[in-house]
Structure formats: structure tokens, C-alpha cells
Amino acid sequence: MENKVSQNKRYYMREFQLYDTDHFVTFNIIGIDFERRQITVGITNQGRISVQTFDLKGDANALYFEYGIFDENKIPVDEFEEIEEE
């Protein structure tokens, strides 16, 4: 698989929110293992926090992982934003 995403980019603890038709689900990147092609994220969903590891997939433009009961949501890694403390 060929992609244009830099493996040197700092992703640690970047955040992404997904609106799941009912509520927001927040993802925070904990780590990316490019050799094993896996991403580990902290997930906050309706007040519950979990840590899950997903297969890292990609196409010509971006890396992503799939989330949901039927993996219906493509979560692009480059759309995670850096968290700024106030």
C-alpha cells in the first residue's frame, strides 16, 4: 500500500469527534505502529472510556481505520486535530 502520510508526523493525543446520529464519540490517538499497521485510540462514548486497537488501512491519499458495529465509519488519521490547552 502506498500512501502520502508522513510516518514522522506527531499524532500522539490528537483528537477527532464523530457524530454518531445520536451523540458525539471522541477519539484520541495513543499510538500508531506503522510496522504492524495498527492504531491505538482512546474512545469516549456516552461517558464511557475505552482503549482499542484497530487495523490501520489506507489508500493513495490517507491512512484511516474503520469504526462502528459494521465498520461503517472511515476515520481518517490526518483529520485528527492537535489539542490546545486553555
N, C-alpha and C. Protein backbone atom coordinates (compact mmCIF):
# COMPACT_ATOMS: atom_id res chain seq x y z
N MET A 1 0.85 -1.18 0.00
CA MET A 1 0.00 0.00 0.00
C MET A 1 0.89 1.23 0.00
N GLU A 2 0.58 2.13 -0.84
CA GLU A 2 1.33 3.36 -0.94
C GLU A 2 0.47 4.49 -0.41
N ASN A 3 1.06 5.35 0.42
CA ASN A 3 0.30 6.50 0.90
C ASN A 3 1.21 7.69 1.04
N LYS A 4 0.61 8.86 1.16
CA LYS A 4 1.37 10.09 1.24
C LYS A 4 1.44 10.63 2.66
N VAL A 5 1.02 9.85 3.64
CA VAL A 5 1.03 10.28 5.02
C VAL A 5 2.41 10.07 5.59
N SER A 6 2.96 11.10 6.19
CA SER A 6 4.30 11.01 6.76
C SER A 6 4.29 10.19 8.04
N GLN A 7 5.19 9.24 8.14
CA GLN A 7 5.29 8.44 9.35
C GLN A 7 5.99 9.20 10.46
N ASN A 8 6.58 10.34 10.17
CA ASN A 8 7.27 11.14 11.17
C ASN A 8 6.36 12.17 11.81
N LYS A 9 5.19 12.34 11.33
CA LYS A 9 4.26 13.32 11.85
C LYS A 9 3.87 12.96 13.29
N ARG A 10 3.76 13.93 14.15
CA ARG A 10 3.39 13.68 15.54
C ARG A 10 1.88 13.58 15.65
N TYR A 11 1.41 12.40 16.02
CA TYR A 11 -0.02 12.16 16.14
C TYR A 11 -0.48 12.01 17.58
N TYR A 12 0.43 11.80 18.51
CA TYR A 12 0.08 11.44 19.88
C TYR A 12 -0.95 12.39 20.50
N MET A 13 -2.01 11.84 21.00
CA MET A 13 -3.12 12.51 21.70
C MET A 13 -3.87 13.52 20.84
N ARG A 14 -3.77 13.42 19.55
CA ARG A 14 -4.63 14.25 18.70
C ARG A 14 -6.05 13.75 18.82
N GLU A 15 -7.01 14.62 18.55
CA GLU A 15 -8.42 14.30 18.82
C GLU A 15 -9.27 14.41 17.55
N PHE A 16 -10.28 13.57 17.50
CA PHE A 16 -11.25 13.57 16.40
C PHE A 16 -12.62 13.28 16.99
N GLN A 17 -13.65 14.01 16.54
CA GLN A 17 -15.01 13.75 17.00
C GLN A 17 -15.87 13.29 15.85
N LEU A 18 -16.67 12.27 16.12
CA LEU A 18 -17.59 11.70 15.15
C LEU A 18 -19.00 11.82 15.72
N TYR A 19 -19.92 12.39 14.96
CA TYR A 19 -21.32 12.45 15.40
C TYR A 19 -21.99 11.17 14.93
N ASP A 20 -22.44 10.38 15.88
CA ASP A 20 -22.98 9.05 15.62
C ASP A 20 -24.51 9.06 15.63
N THR A 21 -25.13 9.94 14.90
CA THR A 21 -26.57 10.14 14.75
C THR A 21 -27.30 10.45 16.05
N ASP A 22 -26.65 10.24 17.18
CA ASP A 22 -27.30 10.44 18.47
C ASP A 22 -26.44 11.26 19.42
N HIS A 23 -25.13 11.12 19.30
CA HIS A 23 -24.20 11.75 20.22
C HIS A 23 -22.80 11.79 19.59
N PHE A 24 -21.91 12.51 20.24
CA PHE A 24 -20.54 12.59 19.76
C PHE A 24 -19.69 11.48 20.37
N VAL A 25 -18.83 10.90 19.56
CA VAL A 25 -17.83 9.93 20.01
C VAL A 25 -16.48 10.61 19.78
N THR A 26 -15.65 10.65 20.84
CA THR A 26 -14.35 11.32 20.75
C THR A 26 -13.24 10.28 20.73
N PHE A 27 -12.31 10.45 19.80
CA PHE A 27 -11.17 9.56 19.65
C PHE A 27 -9.90 10.35 19.95
N ASN A 28 -8.97 9.76 20.71
CA ASN A 28 -7.65 10.34 20.95
C ASN A 28 -6.61 9.30 20.57
N ILE A 29 -5.68 9.69 19.72
CA ILE A 29 -4.63 8.76 19.31
C ILE A 29 -3.67 8.54 20.46
N ILE A 30 -3.44 7.30 20.79
CA ILE A 30 -2.47 6.93 21.82
C ILE A 30 -1.17 6.50 21.15
N GLY A 31 -1.27 5.77 20.06
CA GLY A 31 -0.07 5.35 19.35
C GLY A 31 -0.38 4.76 18.00
N ILE A 32 0.59 4.85 17.12
CA ILE A 32 0.48 4.25 15.79
C ILE A 32 1.70 3.37 15.58
N ASP A 33 1.47 2.13 15.20
CA ASP A 33 2.55 1.20 14.88
C ASP A 33 2.50 0.96 13.37
N PHE A 34 3.38 1.65 12.65
CA PHE A 34 3.37 1.58 11.20
C PHE A 34 3.83 0.21 10.69
N GLU A 35 4.72 -0.44 11.44
CA GLU A 35 5.19 -1.76 11.02
C GLU A 35 4.09 -2.80 11.10
N ARG A 36 3.31 -2.77 12.17
CA ARG A 36 2.19 -3.72 12.32
C ARG A 36 0.91 -3.22 11.68
N ARG A 37 0.93 -1.97 11.24
CA ARG A 37 -0.22 -1.33 10.60
C ARG A 37 -1.41 -1.31 11.54
N GLN A 38 -1.17 -0.78 12.77
CA GLN A 38 -2.21 -0.69 13.78
C GLN A 38 -2.21 0.69 14.41
N ILE A 39 -3.37 1.12 14.85
CA ILE A 39 -3.52 2.37 15.58
C ILE A 39 -4.26 2.07 16.88
N THR A 40 -3.79 2.66 17.97
CA THR A 40 -4.44 2.51 19.26
C THR A 40 -5.02 3.85 19.64
N VAL A 41 -6.31 3.86 19.97
CA VAL A 41 -7.01 5.09 20.30
C VAL A 41 -7.79 4.94 21.60
N GLY A 42 -7.90 6.06 22.32
CA GLY A 42 -8.80 6.14 23.46
C GLY A 42 -10.13 6.62 22.92
N ILE A 43 -11.22 5.99 23.31
CA ILE A 43 -12.54 6.33 22.79
C ILE A 43 -13.44 6.73 23.95
N THR A 44 -14.02 7.93 23.86
CA THR A 44 -15.01 8.38 24.84
C THR A 44 -16.36 8.36 24.15
N ASN A 45 -17.25 7.52 24.67
CA ASN A 45 -18.56 7.31 24.05
C ASN A 45 -19.62 7.27 25.15
N GLN A 46 -20.44 8.30 25.22
CA GLN A 46 -21.51 8.42 26.21
C GLN A 46 -20.99 8.27 27.63
N GLY A 47 -19.87 8.93 27.92
CA GLY A 47 -19.31 8.91 29.26
C GLY A 47 -18.43 7.72 29.57
N ARG A 48 -18.39 6.75 28.69
CA ARG A 48 -17.54 5.57 28.90
C ARG A 48 -16.25 5.74 28.10
N ILE A 49 -15.15 5.38 28.73
CA ILE A 49 -13.85 5.49 28.08
C ILE A 49 -13.27 4.10 27.89
N SER A 50 -12.79 3.83 26.67
CA SER A 50 -12.15 2.55 26.39
C SER A 50 -10.92 2.81 25.53
N VAL A 51 -10.04 1.83 25.48
CA VAL A 51 -8.86 1.87 24.63
C VAL A 51 -8.97 0.69 23.68
N GLN A 52 -8.87 0.97 22.38
CA GLN A 52 -8.98 -0.08 21.38
C GLN A 52 -7.90 0.07 20.32
N THR A 53 -7.51 -1.07 19.76
CA THR A 53 -6.53 -1.09 18.67
C THR A 53 -7.25 -1.54 17.40
N PHE A 54 -7.02 -0.79 16.33
CA PHE A 54 -7.65 -1.07 15.05
C PHE A 54 -6.58 -1.30 13.99
N ASP A 55 -6.95 -2.03 12.94
CA ASP A 55 -6.07 -2.16 11.78
C ASP A 55 -6.01 -0.83 11.07
N LEU A 56 -4.82 -0.41 10.73
CA LEU A 56 -4.61 0.83 10.01
C LEU A 56 -4.67 0.51 8.53
N LYS A 57 -5.56 1.18 7.84
CA LYS A 57 -5.75 0.96 6.41
C LYS A 57 -5.37 2.23 5.67
N GLY A 58 -5.38 2.16 4.38
CA GLY A 58 -5.04 3.36 3.63
C GLY A 58 -5.30 3.22 2.16
N ASP A 59 -5.35 4.37 1.53
CA ASP A 59 -5.46 4.41 0.08
C ASP A 59 -4.36 5.36 -0.40
N ALA A 60 -4.46 5.82 -1.61
CA ALA A 60 -3.40 6.65 -2.18
C ALA A 60 -3.22 7.97 -1.46
N ASN A 61 -4.25 8.44 -0.76
CA ASN A 61 -4.19 9.77 -0.16
C ASN A 61 -4.08 9.80 1.36
N ALA A 62 -4.60 8.79 2.05
CA ALA A 62 -4.68 8.93 3.50
C ALA A 62 -4.72 7.58 4.22
N LEU A 63 -4.30 7.62 5.48
CA LEU A 63 -4.46 6.48 6.37
C LEU A 63 -5.76 6.63 7.13
N TYR A 64 -6.41 5.51 7.44
CA TYR A 64 -7.66 5.56 8.18
C TYR A 64 -7.87 4.24 8.90
N PHE A 65 -8.83 4.24 9.82
CA PHE A 65 -9.28 2.99 10.43
C PHE A 65 -10.80 3.00 10.40
N GLU A 66 -11.39 1.84 10.54
CA GLU A 66 -12.84 1.72 10.46
C GLU A 66 -13.41 1.50 11.85
N TYR A 67 -14.53 2.19 12.14
CA TYR A 67 -15.15 2.14 13.45
C TYR A 67 -16.65 1.95 13.30
N GLY A 68 -17.24 1.22 14.21
CA GLY A 68 -18.69 1.01 14.22
C GLY A 68 -19.00 -0.48 14.23
N ILE A 69 -20.24 -0.79 14.47
CA ILE A 69 -20.66 -2.19 14.55
C ILE A 69 -20.31 -2.94 13.27
N PHE A 70 -20.52 -2.29 12.14
CA PHE A 70 -20.23 -2.91 10.85
C PHE A 70 -19.07 -2.22 10.15
N ASP A 71 -18.20 -1.55 10.93
CA ASP A 71 -17.08 -0.79 10.38
C ASP A 71 -17.54 0.20 9.31
N GLU A 72 -18.67 0.84 9.59
CA GLU A 72 -19.26 1.73 8.59
C GLU A 72 -18.66 3.13 8.56
N ASN A 73 -17.85 3.48 9.57
CA ASN A 73 -17.25 4.82 9.62
C ASN A 73 -15.76 4.74 9.34
N LYS A 74 -15.34 5.46 8.31
CA LYS A 74 -13.92 5.58 7.99
C LYS A 74 -13.40 6.78 8.77
N ILE A 75 -12.45 6.55 9.68
CA ILE A 75 -11.90 7.64 10.48
C ILE A 75 -10.50 7.97 9.93
N PRO A 76 -10.36 9.10 9.22
CA PRO A 76 -9.07 9.46 8.63
C PRO A 76 -8.09 10.00 9.68
N VAL A 77 -6.90 9.46 9.71
CA VAL A 77 -5.91 9.84 10.70
C VAL A 77 -5.51 11.31 10.56
N ASP A 78 -5.41 11.81 9.33
CA ASP A 78 -4.99 13.20 9.12
C ASP A 78 -6.04 14.22 9.55
N GLU A 79 -7.25 13.81 9.85
CA GLU A 79 -8.28 14.75 10.30
C GLU A 79 -8.31 14.92 11.81
N PHE A 80 -7.44 14.19 12.51
CA PHE A 80 -7.31 14.40 13.95
C PHE A 80 -6.65 15.75 14.16
N GLU A 81 -7.10 16.48 15.19
CA GLU A 81 -6.57 17.82 15.45
C GLU A 81 -5.77 17.82 16.74
N GLU A 82 -4.76 18.67 16.78
CA GLU A 82 -3.96 18.81 17.99
C GLU A 82 -4.79 19.51 19.06
N ILE A 83 -4.74 18.97 20.26
CA ILE A 83 -5.50 19.54 21.37
C ILE A 83 -4.71 20.69 21.96
N GLU A 84 -5.36 21.83 22.10
CA GLU A 84 -4.71 23.00 22.69
C GLU A 84 -5.28 23.22 24.07
N GLU A 85 -4.41 23.33 25.06
CA GLU A 85 -4.86 23.58 26.42
C GLU A 85 -5.17 25.06 26.56
N GLU A 86 -6.20 25.35 27.34
CA GLU A 86 -6.60 26.75 27.54
C GLU A 86 -6.03 27.30 28.82
